[in-house]
Amino acid sequence: MPGGIELAVIVGVVILLFGGKKIPELAKGLGKGIKDFKNAVKDDETTVADAKDSVKEIKEEVKEATTDVKASTNKQA
């Protein structure tokens, strides 16, 4: 972890490179990027949860259909 002098040098270099007016724009862009990333992760988690629910429903339907077929087969035999 950089100490106080190193941080001061880094901040000074950043100000020299980008100027005082560009730094807020860069920070705003960085914040927007982080927010978009978090939203994308949340959307992916929701999609995965929805897919799991769908798979669960399909398994239940297959189980019911299998039970119905077995019952029909037993009645015919």
C-alpha atoms as a PDB file:
ATOM      1  CA  MET A   1       0.000   0.000   0.000  1.00  0.00           C
ATOM      2  CA  PRO A   2       1.501   3.349  -0.982  1.00  0.00           C
ATOM      3  CA  GLY A   3       2.323   5.812   1.782  1.00  0.00           C
ATOM      4  CA  GLY A   4       1.432   9.498   2.043  1.00  0.00           C
ATOM      5  CA  ILE A   5       4.288  10.814  -0.096  1.00  0.00           C
ATOM      6  CA  GLU A   6       3.667   8.249  -2.853  1.00  0.00           C
ATOM      7  CA  LEU A   7      -0.037   9.131  -2.950  1.00  0.00           C
ATOM      8  CA  ALA A   8       0.786  12.831  -3.160  1.00  0.00           C
ATOM      9  CA  VAL A   9       3.135  12.196  -6.089  1.00  0.00           C
ATOM     10  CA  ILE A  10       0.508  10.068  -7.873  1.00  0.00           C
ATOM     11  CA  VAL A  11      -2.186  12.734  -7.371  1.00  0.00           C
ATOM     12  CA  GLY A  12       0.212  15.408  -8.624  1.00  0.00           C
ATOM     13  CA  VAL A  13       1.046  13.423 -11.762  1.00  0.00           C
ATOM     14  CA  VAL A  14      -2.639  12.777 -12.456  1.00  0.00           C
ATOM     15  CA  ILE A  15      -3.430  16.478 -12.134  1.00  0.00           C
ATOM     16  CA  LEU A  16      -0.548  17.358 -14.457  1.00  0.00           C
ATOM     17  CA  LEU A  17      -1.605  14.796 -17.053  1.00  0.00           C
ATOM     18  CA  PHE A  18      -5.341  15.402 -17.108  1.00  0.00           C
ATOM     19  CA  GLY A  19      -5.822  18.871 -15.654  1.00  0.00           C
ATOM     20  CA  GLY A  20      -8.294  19.928 -13.000  1.00  0.00           C
ATOM     21  CA  LYS A  21     -11.306  19.982 -15.339  1.00  0.00           C
ATOM     22  CA  LYS A  22     -10.903  16.441 -16.691  1.00  0.00           C
ATOM     23  CA  ILE A  23     -10.597  14.693 -13.325  1.00  0.00           C
ATOM     24  CA  PRO A  24     -14.312  15.049 -12.368  1.00  0.00           C
ATOM     25  CA  GLU A  25     -15.291  13.776 -15.833  1.00  0.00           C
ATOM     26  CA  LEU A  26     -12.998  10.766 -15.417  1.00  0.00           C
ATOM     27  CA  ALA A  27     -14.390  10.043 -11.953  1.00  0.00           C
ATOM     28  CA  LYS A  28     -17.952  10.324 -13.274  1.00  0.00           C
ATOM     29  CA  GLY A  29     -17.162   7.914 -16.111  1.00  0.00           C
ATOM     30  CA  LEU A  30     -15.530   5.473 -13.716  1.00  0.00           C
ATOM     31  CA  GLY A  31     -18.537   5.611 -11.383  1.00  0.00           C
ATOM     32  CA  LYS A  32     -20.939   5.037 -14.278  1.00  0.00           C
ATOM     33  CA  GLY A  33     -18.876   2.076 -15.440  1.00  0.00           C
ATOM     34  CA  ILE A  34     -18.921   0.484 -11.992  1.00  0.00           C
ATOM     35  CA  LYS A  35     -22.684   1.050 -11.703  1.00  0.00           C
ATOM     36  CA  ASP A  36     -23.314  -0.517 -15.128  1.00  0.00           C
ATOM     37  CA  PHE A  37     -21.131  -3.499 -14.211  1.00  0.00           C
ATOM     38  CA  LYS A  38     -23.053  -4.080 -10.962  1.00  0.00           C
ATOM     39  CA  ASN A  39     -26.373  -3.853 -12.814  1.00  0.00           C
ATOM     40  CA  ALA A  40     -25.174  -6.378 -15.399  1.00  0.00           C
ATOM     41  CA  VAL A  41     -24.105  -8.788 -12.664  1.00  0.00           C
ATOM     42  CA  LYS A  42     -27.484  -8.401 -10.946  1.00  0.00           C
ATOM     43  CA  ASP A  43     -29.316  -9.038 -14.242  1.00  0.00           C
ATOM     44  CA  ASP A  44     -27.242 -12.177 -14.841  1.00  0.00           C
ATOM     45  CA  GLU A  45     -28.060 -13.475 -11.361  1.00  0.00           C
ATOM     46  CA  THR A  46     -31.763 -12.889 -12.021  1.00  0.00           C
ATOM     47  CA  THR A  47     -31.525 -14.694 -15.362  1.00  0.00           C
ATOM     48  CA  VAL A  48     -29.826 -17.683 -13.735  1.00  0.00           C
ATOM     49  CA  ALA A  49     -32.470 -17.822 -11.005  1.00  0.00           C
ATOM     50  CA  ASP A  50     -35.250 -17.703 -13.624  1.00  0.00           C
ATOM     51  CA  ALA A  51     -33.578 -20.492 -15.588  1.00  0.00           C
ATOM     52  CA  LYS A  52     -33.326 -22.638 -12.457  1.00  0.00           C
ATOM     53  CA  ASP A  53     -37.038 -22.116 -11.777  1.00  0.00           C
ATOM     54  CA  SER A  54     -37.876 -23.116 -15.356  1.00  0.00           C
ATOM     55  CA  VAL A  55     -35.793 -26.276 -15.092  1.00  0.00           C
ATOM     56  CA  LYS A  56     -37.526 -27.152 -11.821  1.00  0.00           C
ATOM     57  CA  GLU A  57     -40.957 -26.739 -13.439  1.00  0.00           C
ATOM     58  CA  ILE A  58     -39.952 -28.874 -16.428  1.00  0.00           C
ATOM     59  CA  LYS A  59     -38.659 -31.627 -14.129  1.00  0.00           C
ATOM     60  CA  GLU A  60     -41.986 -31.638 -12.276  1.00  0.00           C
ATOM     61  CA  GLU A  61     -43.906 -31.855 -15.563  1.00  0.00           C
ATOM     62  CA  VAL A  62     -41.723 -34.749 -16.757  1.00  0.00           C
ATOM     63  CA  LYS A  63     -42.239 -36.545 -13.442  1.00  0.00           C
ATOM     64  CA  GLU A  64     -46.018 -36.133 -13.730  1.00  0.00           C
ATOM     65  CA  ALA A  65     -46.008 -37.319 -17.350  1.00  0.00           C
ATOM     66  CA  THR A  66     -43.894 -40.347 -16.432  1.00  0.00           C
ATOM     67  CA  THR A  67     -46.287 -41.220 -13.616  1.00  0.00           C
ATOM     68  CA  ASP A  68     -49.250 -40.931 -16.014  1.00  0.00           C
ATOM     69  CA  VAL A  69     -47.557 -43.193 -18.580  1.00  0.00           C
ATOM     70  CA  LYS A  70     -46.735 -45.794 -15.920  1.00  0.00           C
ATOM     71  CA  ALA A  71     -50.339 -45.725 -14.684  1.00  0.00           C
ATOM     72  CA  SER A  72     -51.661 -46.177 -18.228  1.00  0.00           C
ATOM     73  CA  THR A  73     -49.263 -49.053 -18.873  1.00  0.00           C
ATOM     74  CA  ASN A  74     -50.313 -50.812 -15.663  1.00  0.00           C
ATOM     75  CA  LYS A  75     -54.022 -50.482 -16.564  1.00  0.00           C
ATOM     76  CA  GLN A  76     -53.444 -52.019 -20.007  1.00  0.00           C
ATOM     77  CA  ALA A  77     -51.460 -54.966 -18.642  1.00  0.00           C
END
